[in-house]
Amino acid sequence: PHDGDGELHLAFATPATEMANWEAWLAQNEIAVVEKRTWE
């Protein structure tokens, strides 16, 4: 037996060349981007 609750986090790997496609895909599917970040 197991269960969970709350807002969890998962990250999925994608090639750098796909980032613009992801932004367009999310917009096309009416999914709001919460944050866009460039790391060190």
ModelCIF file with pLDDT and N, C-alpha, C, O atoms, coordinates in Angstrom:
data_MODEL
#
_entry.id   MODEL 
#
_entity.id                         1 
_entity.type                       polymer 
_entity.pdbx_number_of_molecules   1 
#
_entity_poly.entity_id                      1 
_entity_poly.type                           'polypeptide(L)' 
_entity_poly.nstd_linkage                   no 
_entity_poly.nstd_monomer                   no 
_entity_poly.pdbx_seq_one_letter_code       PHDGDGELHLAFATPATEMANWEAWLAQNEIAVVEKRTWE 
_entity_poly.pdbx_seq_one_letter_code_can   PHDGDGELHLAFATPATEMANWEAWLAQNEIAVVEKRTWE 
_entity_poly.pdbx_strand_id                 A 
#
loop_
_entity_poly_seq.entity_id 
_entity_poly_seq.num 
_entity_poly_seq.mon_id 
_entity_poly_seq.hetero 
1 1  PRO n 
1 2  HIS n 
1 3  ASP n 
1 4  GLY n 
1 5  ASP n 
1 6  GLY n 
1 7  GLU n 
1 8  LEU n 
1 9  HIS n 
1 10 LEU n 
1 11 ALA n 
1 12 PHE n 
1 13 ALA n 
1 14 THR n 
1 15 PRO n 
1 16 ALA n 
1 17 THR n 
1 18 GLU n 
1 19 MET n 
1 20 ALA n 
1 21 ASN n 
1 22 TRP n 
1 23 GLU n 
1 24 ALA n 
1 25 TRP n 
1 26 LEU n 
1 27 ALA n 
1 28 GLN n 
1 29 ASN n 
1 30 GLU n 
1 31 ILE n 
1 32 ALA n 
1 33 VAL n 
1 34 VAL n 
1 35 GLU n 
1 36 LYS n 
1 37 ARG n 
1 38 THR n 
1 39 TRP n 
1 40 GLU n 
#
_struct_asym.id          A 
_struct_asym.entity_id   1 
#
loop_
_ma_qa_metric.id 
_ma_qa_metric.mode 
_ma_qa_metric.name 
_ma_qa_metric.software_group_id 
_ma_qa_metric.type 
1 global pLDDT . pLDDT 
2 local  pLDDT . pLDDT 
#
_ma_qa_metric_global.metric_id      1 
_ma_qa_metric_global.metric_value   94.00 
_ma_qa_metric_global.model_id       1 
_ma_qa_metric_global.ordinal_id     1 
#
loop_
_ma_qa_metric_local.label_asym_id 
_ma_qa_metric_local.label_comp_id 
_ma_qa_metric_local.label_seq_id 
_ma_qa_metric_local.metric_id 
_ma_qa_metric_local.metric_value 
_ma_qa_metric_local.model_id 
_ma_qa_metric_local.ordinal_id 
A PRO 1  2 69.00 1 1  
A HIS 2  2 72.00 1 2  
A ASP 3  2 76.00 1 3  
A GLY 4  2 79.00 1 4  
A ASP 5  2 80.00 1 5  
A GLY 6  2 83.00 1 6  
A GLU 7  2 91.00 1 7  
A LEU 8  2 94.00 1 8  
A HIS 9  2 96.00 1 9  
A LEU 10 2 97.00 1 10 
A ALA 11 2 97.00 1 11 
A PHE 12 2 97.00 1 12 
A ALA 13 2 96.00 1 13 
A THR 14 2 97.00 1 14 
A PRO 15 2 97.00 1 15 
A ALA 16 2 97.00 1 16 
A THR 17 2 97.00 1 17 
A GLU 18 2 97.00 1 18 
A MET 19 2 97.00 1 19 
A ALA 20 2 97.00 1 20 
A ASN 21 2 97.00 1 21 
A TRP 22 2 98.00 1 22 
A GLU 23 2 97.00 1 23 
A ALA 24 2 97.00 1 24 
A TRP 25 2 98.00 1 25 
A LEU 26 2 98.00 1 26 
A ALA 27 2 98.00 1 27 
A GLN 28 2 98.00 1 28 
A ASN 29 2 97.00 1 29 
A GLU 30 2 97.00 1 30 
A ILE 31 2 98.00 1 31 
A ALA 32 2 98.00 1 32 
A VAL 33 2 98.00 1 33 
A VAL 34 2 98.00 1 34 
A GLU 35 2 98.00 1 35 
A LYS 36 2 98.00 1 36 
A ARG 37 2 98.00 1 37 
A THR 38 2 98.00 1 38 
A TRP 39 2 98.00 1 39 
A GLU 40 2 97.00 1 40 
#
loop_
_atom_site.group_PDB 
_atom_site.id 
_atom_site.type_symbol 
_atom_site.label_atom_id 
_atom_site.label_alt_id 
_atom_site.label_comp_id 
_atom_site.label_asym_id 
_atom_site.label_entity_id 
_atom_site.label_seq_id 
_atom_site.pdbx_PDB_ins_code 
_atom_site.Cartn_x 
_atom_site.Cartn_y 
_atom_site.Cartn_z 
_atom_site.occupancy 
_atom_site.B_iso_or_equiv 
_atom_site.pdbx_formal_charge 
_atom_site.auth_seq_id 
_atom_site.auth_comp_id 
_atom_site.auth_asym_id 
_atom_site.auth_atom_id 
_atom_site.pdbx_PDB_model_num 
ATOM 1   N N  . PRO A 1 1  ? 0.823  -1.213 0.000   1.00 69.00 ? 1  PRO A N  1 
ATOM 2   C CA . PRO A 1 1  ? 0.000  0.000  0.000   1.00 69.00 ? 1  PRO A CA 1 
ATOM 3   C C  . PRO A 1 1  ? 0.858  1.265  0.000   1.00 69.00 ? 1  PRO A C  1 
ATOM 4   O O  . PRO A 1 1  ? 1.856  1.357  0.715   1.00 69.00 ? 1  PRO A O  1 
ATOM 5   N N  . HIS A 1 2  ? 0.449  2.230  -0.813  1.00 72.00 ? 2  HIS A N  1 
ATOM 6   C CA . HIS A 1 2  ? 1.110  3.524  -0.856  1.00 72.00 ? 2  HIS A CA 1 
ATOM 7   C C  . HIS A 1 2  ? 0.150  4.550  -1.435  1.00 72.00 ? 2  HIS A C  1 
ATOM 8   O O  . HIS A 1 2  ? -0.801 4.208  -2.137  1.00 72.00 ? 2  HIS A O  1 
ATOM 9   N N  . ASP A 1 3  ? 0.412  5.797  -1.132  1.00 76.00 ? 3  ASP A N  1 
ATOM 10  C CA . ASP A 1 3  ? -0.426 6.891  -1.619  1.00 76.00 ? 3  ASP A CA 1 
ATOM 11  C C  . ASP A 1 3  ? 0.398  8.166  -1.535  1.00 76.00 ? 3  ASP A C  1 
ATOM 12  O O  . ASP A 1 3  ? 1.445  8.195  -0.889  1.00 76.00 ? 3  ASP A O  1 
ATOM 13  N N  . GLY A 1 4  ? -0.067 9.193  -2.173  1.00 79.00 ? 4  GLY A N  1 
ATOM 14  C CA . GLY A 1 4  ? 0.622  10.470 -2.125  1.00 79.00 ? 4  GLY A CA 1 
ATOM 15  C C  . GLY A 1 4  ? -0.358 11.590 -2.366  1.00 79.00 ? 4  GLY A C  1 
ATOM 16  O O  . GLY A 1 4  ? -1.461 11.383 -2.871  1.00 79.00 ? 4  GLY A O  1 
ATOM 17  N N  . ASP A 1 5  ? 0.068  12.788 -1.993  1.00 80.00 ? 5  ASP A N  1 
ATOM 18  C CA . ASP A 1 5  ? -0.779 13.956 -2.160  1.00 80.00 ? 5  ASP A CA 1 
ATOM 19  C C  . ASP A 1 5  ? 0.111  15.178 -2.299  1.00 80.00 ? 5  ASP A C  1 
ATOM 20  O O  . ASP A 1 5  ? 1.293  15.135 -1.958  1.00 80.00 ? 5  ASP A O  1 
ATOM 21  N N  . GLY A 1 6  ? -0.443 16.240 -2.786  1.00 83.00 ? 6  GLY A N  1 
ATOM 22  C CA . GLY A 1 6  ? 0.314  17.469 -2.931  1.00 83.00 ? 6  GLY A CA 1 
ATOM 23  C C  . GLY A 1 6  ? 0.788  17.675 -4.352  1.00 83.00 ? 6  GLY A C  1 
ATOM 24  O O  . GLY A 1 6  ? 0.628  16.811 -5.214  1.00 83.00 ? 6  GLY A O  1 
ATOM 25  N N  . GLU A 1 7  ? 1.373  18.832 -4.578  1.00 91.00 ? 7  GLU A N  1 
ATOM 26  C CA . GLU A 1 7  ? 1.879  19.193 -5.900  1.00 91.00 ? 7  GLU A CA 1 
ATOM 27  C C  . GLU A 1 7  ? 3.339  18.772 -5.994  1.00 91.00 ? 7  GLU A C  1 
ATOM 28  O O  . GLU A 1 7  ? 4.206  19.374 -5.359  1.00 91.00 ? 7  GLU A O  1 
ATOM 29  N N  . LEU A 1 8  ? 3.611  17.738 -6.785  1.00 94.00 ? 8  LEU A N  1 
ATOM 30  C CA . LEU A 1 8  ? 4.946  17.180 -6.918  1.00 94.00 ? 8  LEU A CA 1 
ATOM 31  C C  . LEU A 1 8  ? 5.635  17.749 -8.156  1.00 94.00 ? 8  LEU A C  1 
ATOM 32  O O  . LEU A 1 8  ? 5.024  18.482 -8.934  1.00 94.00 ? 8  LEU A O  1 
ATOM 33  N N  . HIS A 1 9  ? 6.906  17.406 -8.332  1.00 96.00 ? 9  HIS A N  1 
ATOM 34  C CA . HIS A 1 9  ? 7.701  17.925 -9.445  1.00 96.00 ? 9  HIS A CA 1 
ATOM 35  C C  . HIS A 1 9  ? 8.421  16.796 -10.163 1.00 96.00 ? 9  HIS A C  1 
ATOM 36  O O  . HIS A 1 9  ? 9.019  15.923 -9.534  1.00 96.00 ? 9  HIS A O  1 
ATOM 37  N N  . LEU A 1 10 ? 8.355  16.825 -11.496 1.00 97.00 ? 10 LEU A N  1 
ATOM 38  C CA . LEU A 1 10 ? 9.121  15.922 -12.347 1.00 97.00 ? 10 LEU A CA 1 
ATOM 39  C C  . LEU A 1 10 ? 9.748  16.747 -13.467 1.00 97.00 ? 10 LEU A C  1 
ATOM 40  O O  . LEU A 1 10 ? 9.135  17.691 -13.966 1.00 97.00 ? 10 LEU A O  1 
ATOM 41  N N  . ALA A 1 11 ? 10.966 16.390 -13.858 1.00 97.00 ? 11 ALA A N  1 
ATOM 42  C CA . ALA A 1 11 ? 11.631 17.048 -14.986 1.00 97.00 ? 11 ALA A CA 1 
ATOM 43  C C  . ALA A 1 11 ? 11.917 16.007 -16.060 1.00 97.00 ? 11 ALA A C  1 
ATOM 44  O O  . ALA A 1 11 ? 12.310 14.879 -15.763 1.00 97.00 ? 11 ALA A O  1 
ATOM 45  N N  . PHE A 1 12 ? 11.713 16.404 -17.312 1.00 97.00 ? 12 PHE A N  1 
ATOM 46  C CA . PHE A 1 12 ? 11.944 15.528 -18.450 1.00 97.00 ? 12 PHE A CA 1 
ATOM 47  C C  . PHE A 1 12 ? 13.033 16.137 -19.332 1.00 97.00 ? 12 PHE A C  1 
ATOM 48  O O  . PHE A 1 12 ? 13.004 17.331 -19.629 1.00 97.00 ? 12 PHE A O  1 
ATOM 49  N N  . ALA A 1 13 ? 13.989 15.310 -19.745 1.00 96.00 ? 13 ALA A N  1 
ATOM 50  C CA . ALA A 1 13 ? 15.109 15.764 -20.569 1.00 96.00 ? 13 ALA A CA 1 
ATOM 51  C C  . ALA A 1 13 ? 14.642 16.026 -21.998 1.00 96.00 ? 13 ALA A C  1 
ATOM 52  O O  . ALA A 1 13 ? 13.817 15.294 -22.546 1.00 96.00 ? 13 ALA A O  1 
ATOM 53  N N  . THR A 1 14 ? 15.194 17.091 -22.588 1.00 97.00 ? 14 THR A N  1 
ATOM 54  C CA . THR A 1 14 ? 14.917 17.399 -23.983 1.00 97.00 ? 14 THR A CA 1 
ATOM 55  C C  . THR A 1 14 ? 16.159 18.044 -24.594 1.00 97.00 ? 14 THR A C  1 
ATOM 56  O O  . THR A 1 14 ? 16.882 18.753 -23.893 1.00 97.00 ? 14 THR A O  1 
ATOM 57  N N  . PRO A 1 15 ? 16.427 17.819 -25.880 1.00 97.00 ? 15 PRO A N  1 
ATOM 58  C CA . PRO A 1 15 ? 17.575 18.481 -26.510 1.00 97.00 ? 15 PRO A CA 1 
ATOM 59  C C  . PRO A 1 15 ? 17.362 20.002 -26.554 1.00 97.00 ? 15 PRO A C  1 
ATOM 60  O O  . PRO A 1 15 ? 16.226 20.471 -26.628 1.00 97.00 ? 15 PRO A O  1 
ATOM 61  N N  . ALA A 1 16 ? 18.448 20.757 -26.509 1.00 97.00 ? 16 ALA A N  1 
ATOM 62  C CA . ALA A 1 16 ? 18.361 22.217 -26.556 1.00 97.00 ? 16 ALA A CA 1 
ATOM 63  C C  . ALA A 1 16 ? 17.639 22.697 -27.812 1.00 97.00 ? 16 ALA A C  1 
ATOM 64  O O  . ALA A 1 16 ? 16.961 23.724 -27.784 1.00 97.00 ? 16 ALA A O  1 
ATOM 65  N N  . THR A 1 17 ? 17.778 21.968 -28.898 1.00 97.00 ? 17 THR A N  1 
ATOM 66  C CA . THR A 1 17 ? 17.140 22.358 -30.161 1.00 97.00 ? 17 THR A CA 1 
ATOM 67  C C  . THR A 1 17 ? 15.618 22.234 -30.111 1.00 97.00 ? 17 THR A C  1 
ATOM 68  O O  . THR A 1 17 ? 14.931 22.743 -30.997 1.00 97.00 ? 17 THR A O  1 
ATOM 69  N N  . GLU A 1 18 ? 15.083 21.569 -29.093 1.00 97.00 ? 18 GLU A N  1 
ATOM 70  C CA . GLU A 1 18 ? 13.634 21.378 -28.977 1.00 97.00 ? 18 GLU A CA 1 
ATOM 71  C C  . GLU A 1 18 ? 12.934 22.419 -28.101 1.00 97.00 ? 18 GLU A C  1 
ATOM 72  O O  . GLU A 1 18 ? 11.705 22.423 -28.029 1.00 97.00 ? 18 GLU A O  1 
ATOM 73  N N  . MET A 1 19 ? 13.678 23.292 -27.441 1.00 97.00 ? 19 MET A N  1 
ATOM 74  C CA . MET A 1 19 ? 13.047 24.208 -26.484 1.00 97.00 ? 19 MET A CA 1 
ATOM 75  C C  . MET A 1 19 ? 12.008 25.121 -27.150 1.00 97.00 ? 19 MET A C  1 
ATOM 76  O O  . MET A 1 19 ? 10.919 25.299 -26.604 1.00 97.00 ? 19 MET A O  1 
ATOM 77  N N  . ALA A 1 20 ? 12.316 25.693 -28.300 1.00 97.00 ? 20 ALA A N  1 
ATOM 78  C CA . ALA A 1 20 ? 11.341 26.549 -29.001 1.00 97.00 ? 20 ALA A CA 1 
ATOM 79  C C  . ALA A 1 20 ? 10.113 25.736 -29.403 1.00 97.00 ? 20 ALA A C  1 
ATOM 80  O O  . ALA A 1 20 ? 8.990  26.238 -29.346 1.00 97.00 ? 20 ALA A O  1 
ATOM 81  N N  . ASN A 1 21 ? 10.320 24.486 -29.807 1.00 97.00 ? 21 ASN A N  1 
ATOM 82  C CA . ASN A 1 21 ? 9.187  23.620 -30.157 1.00 97.00 ? 21 ASN A CA 1 
ATOM 83  C C  . ASN A 1 21 ? 8.314  23.356 -28.937 1.00 97.00 ? 21 ASN A C  1 
ATOM 84  O O  . ASN A 1 21 ? 7.089  23.313 -29.048 1.00 97.00 ? 21 ASN A O  1 
ATOM 85  N N  . TRP A 1 22 ? 8.943  23.178 -27.761 1.00 98.00 ? 22 TRP A N  1 
ATOM 86  C CA . TRP A 1 22 ? 8.177  22.965 -26.535 1.00 98.00 ? 22 TRP A CA 1 
ATOM 87  C C  . TRP A 1 22 ? 7.337  24.192 -26.202 1.00 98.00 ? 22 TRP A C  1 
ATOM 88  O O  . TRP A 1 22 ? 6.166  24.062 -25.843 1.00 98.00 ? 22 TRP A O  1 
ATOM 89  N N  . GLU A 1 23 ? 7.920  25.375 -26.316 1.00 97.00 ? 23 GLU A N  1 
ATOM 90  C CA . GLU A 1 23 ? 7.161  26.600 -26.028 1.00 97.00 ? 23 GLU A CA 1 
ATOM 91  C C  . GLU A 1 23 ? 5.950  26.719 -26.951 1.00 97.00 ? 23 GLU A C  1 
ATOM 92  O O  . GLU A 1 23 ? 4.848  27.037 -26.503 1.00 97.00 ? 23 GLU A O  1 
ATOM 93  N N  . ALA A 1 24 ? 6.160  26.464 -28.230 1.00 97.00 ? 24 ALA A N  1 
ATOM 94  C CA . ALA A 1 24 ? 5.058  26.537 -29.201 1.00 97.00 ? 24 ALA A CA 1 
ATOM 95  C C  . ALA A 1 24 ? 4.005  25.461 -28.924 1.00 97.00 ? 24 ALA A C  1 
ATOM 96  O O  . ALA A 1 24 ? 2.806  25.729 -29.006 1.00 97.00 ? 24 ALA A O  1 
ATOM 97  N N  . TRP A 1 25 ? 4.452  24.245 -28.596 1.00 98.00 ? 25 TRP A N  1 
ATOM 98  C CA . TRP A 1 25 ? 3.542  23.124 -28.331 1.00 98.00 ? 25 TRP A CA 1 
ATOM 99  C C  . TRP A 1 25 ? 2.665  23.398 -27.115 1.00 98.00 ? 25 TRP A C  1 
ATOM 100 O O  . TRP A 1 25 ? 1.461  23.146 -27.137 1.00 98.00 ? 25 TRP A O  1 
ATOM 101 N N  . LEU A 1 26 ? 3.283  23.918 -26.051 1.00 98.00 ? 26 LEU A N  1 
ATOM 102 C CA . LEU A 1 26 ? 2.509  24.240 -24.855 1.00 98.00 ? 26 LEU A CA 1 
ATOM 103 C C  . LEU A 1 26 ? 1.492  25.339 -25.151 1.00 98.00 ? 26 LEU A C  1 
ATOM 104 O O  . LEU A 1 26 ? 0.349  25.253 -24.703 1.00 98.00 ? 26 LEU A O  1 
ATOM 105 N N  . ALA A 1 27 ? 1.887  26.362 -25.892 1.00 98.00 ? 27 ALA A N  1 
ATOM 106 C CA . ALA A 1 27 ? 0.956  27.440 -26.261 1.00 98.00 ? 27 ALA A CA 1 
ATOM 107 C C  . ALA A 1 27 ? -0.186 26.894 -27.108 1.00 98.00 ? 27 ALA A C  1 
ATOM 108 O O  . ALA A 1 27 ? -1.345 27.253 -26.899 1.00 98.00 ? 27 ALA A O  1 
ATOM 109 N N  . GLN A 1 28 ? 0.136  26.034 -28.054 1.00 98.00 ? 28 GLN A N  1 
ATOM 110 C CA . GLN A 1 28 ? -0.887 25.433 -28.924 1.00 98.00 ? 28 GLN A CA 1 
ATOM 111 C C  . GLN A 1 28 ? -1.889 24.627 -28.104 1.00 98.00 ? 28 GLN A C  1 
ATOM 112 O O  . GLN A 1 28 ? -3.068 24.568 -28.451 1.00 98.00 ? 28 GLN A O  1 
ATOM 113 N N  . ASN A 1 29 ? -1.429 24.013 -27.027 1.00 97.00 ? 29 ASN A N  1 
ATOM 114 C CA . ASN A 1 29 ? -2.292 23.204 -26.171 1.00 97.00 ? 29 ASN A CA 1 
ATOM 115 C C  . ASN A 1 29 ? -2.849 23.985 -24.983 1.00 97.00 ? 29 ASN A C  1 
ATOM 116 O O  . ASN A 1 29 ? -3.398 23.406 -24.046 1.00 97.00 ? 29 ASN A O  1 
ATOM 117 N N  . GLU A 1 30 ? -2.699 25.312 -25.037 1.00 97.00 ? 30 GLU A N  1 
ATOM 118 C CA . GLU A 1 30 ? -3.234 26.230 -24.026 1.00 97.00 ? 30 GLU A CA 1 
ATOM 119 C C  . GLU A 1 30 ? -2.752 25.879 -22.620 1.00 97.00 ? 30 GLU A C  1 
ATOM 120 O O  . GLU A 1 30 ? -3.517 25.904 -21.656 1.00 97.00 ? 30 GLU A O  1 
ATOM 121 N N  . ILE A 1 31 ? -1.454 25.547 -22.530 1.00 98.00 ? 31 ILE A N  1 
ATOM 122 C CA . ILE A 1 31 ? -0.822 25.263 -21.248 1.00 98.00 ? 31 ILE A CA 1 
ATOM 123 C C  . ILE A 1 31 ? 0.128  26.413 -20.942 1.00 98.00 ? 31 ILE A C  1 
ATOM 124 O O  . ILE A 1 31 ? 1.065  26.679 -21.694 1.00 98.00 ? 31 ILE A O  1 
ATOM 125 N N  . ALA A 1 32 ? -0.126 27.086 -19.832 1.00 98.00 ? 32 ALA A N  1 
ATOM 126 C CA . ALA A 1 32 ? 0.678  28.250 -19.461 1.00 98.00 ? 32 ALA A CA 1 
ATOM 127 C C  . ALA A 1 32 ? 2.056  27.833 -18.961 1.00 98.00 ? 32 ALA A C  1 
ATOM 128 O O  . ALA A 1 32 ? 2.183  26.892 -18.179 1.00 98.00 ? 32 ALA A O  1 
ATOM 129 N N  . VAL A 1 33 ? 3.072  28.531 -19.414 1.00 98.00 ? 33 VAL A N  1 
ATOM 130 C CA . VAL A 1 33 ? 4.419  28.346 -18.888 1.00 98.00 ? 33 VAL A CA 1 
ATOM 131 C C  . VAL A 1 33 ? 4.500  29.128 -17.583 1.00 98.00 ? 33 VAL A C  1 
ATOM 132 O O  . VAL A 1 33 ? 4.269  30.337 -17.559 1.00 98.00 ? 33 VAL A O  1 
ATOM 133 N N  . VAL A 1 34 ? 4.829  28.430 -16.501 1.00 98.00 ? 34 VAL A N  1 
ATOM 134 C CA . VAL A 1 34 ? 4.936  29.049 -15.185 1.00 98.00 ? 34 VAL A CA 1 
ATOM 135 C C  . VAL A 1 34 ? 6.240  29.829 -15.071 1.00 98.00 ? 34 VAL A C  1 
ATOM 136 O O  . VAL A 1 34 ? 6.278  30.918 -14.498 1.00 98.00 ? 34 VAL A O  1 
ATOM 137 N N  . GLU A 1 35 ? 7.309  29.259 -15.626 1.00 98.00 ? 35 GLU A N  1 
ATOM 138 C CA . GLU A 1 35 ? 8.617  29.914 -15.567 1.00 98.00 ? 35 GLU A CA 1 
ATOM 139 C C  . GLU A 1 35 ? 9.496  29.376 -16.685 1.00 98.00 ? 35 GLU A C  1 
ATOM 140 O O  . GLU A 1 35 ? 9.413  28.206 -17.058 1.00 98.00 ? 35 GLU A O  1 
ATOM 141 N N  . LYS A 1 36 ? 10.337 30.256 -17.208 1.00 98.00 ? 36 LYS A N  1 
ATOM 142 C CA . LYS A 1 36 ? 11.383 29.870 -18.150 1.00 98.00 ? 36 LYS A CA 1 
ATOM 143 C C  . LYS A 1 36 ? 12.691 30.341 -17.537 1.00 98.00 ? 36 LYS A C  1 
ATOM 144 O O  . LYS A 1 36 ? 12.820 31.504 -17.154 1.00 98.00 ? 36 LYS A O  1 
ATOM 145 N N  . ARG A 1 37 ? 13.671 29.426 -17.444 1.00 98.00 ? 37 ARG A N  1 
ATOM 146 C CA . ARG A 1 37 ? 14.910 29.779 -16.761 1.00 98.00 ? 37 ARG A CA 1 
ATOM 147 C C  . ARG A 1 37 ? 16.114 29.276 -17.547 1.00 98.00 ? 37 ARG A C  1 
ATOM 148 O O  . ARG A 1 37 ? 16.100 28.179 -18.106 1.00 98.00 ? 37 ARG A O  1 
ATOM 149 N N  . THR A 1 38 ? 17.156 30.104 -17.576 1.00 98.00 ? 38 THR A N  1 
ATOM 150 C CA . THR A 1 38 ? 18.463 29.697 -18.092 1.00 98.00 ? 38 THR A CA 1 
ATOM 151 C C  . THR A 1 38 ? 19.382 29.540 -16.890 1.00 98.00 ? 38 THR A C  1 
ATOM 152 O O  . THR A 1 38 ? 19.480 30.435 -16.050 1.00 98.00 ? 38 THR A O  1 
ATOM 153 N N  . TRP A 1 39 ? 20.049 28.402 -16.816 1.00 98.00 ? 39 TRP A N  1 
ATOM 154 C CA . TRP A 1 39 ? 20.886 28.055 -15.671 1.00 98.00 ? 39 TRP A CA 1 
ATOM 155 C C  . TRP A 1 39 ? 22.336 28.466 -15.900 1.00 98.00 ? 39 TRP A C  1 
ATOM 156 O O  . TRP A 1 39 ? 22.737 28.757 -17.027 1.00 98.00 ? 39 TRP A O  1 
ATOM 157 N N  . GLU A 1 40 ? 23.117 28.489 -14.823 1.00 97.00 ? 40 GLU A N  1 
ATOM 158 C CA . GLU A 1 40 ? 24.522 28.912 -14.861 1.00 97.00 ? 40 GLU A CA 1 
ATOM 159 C C  . GLU A 1 40 ? 25.353 28.140 -15.877 1.00 97.00 ? 40 GLU A C  1 
ATOM 160 O O  . GLU A 1 40 ? 26.550 28.392 -16.015 1.00 97.00 ? 40 GLU A O  1 
#
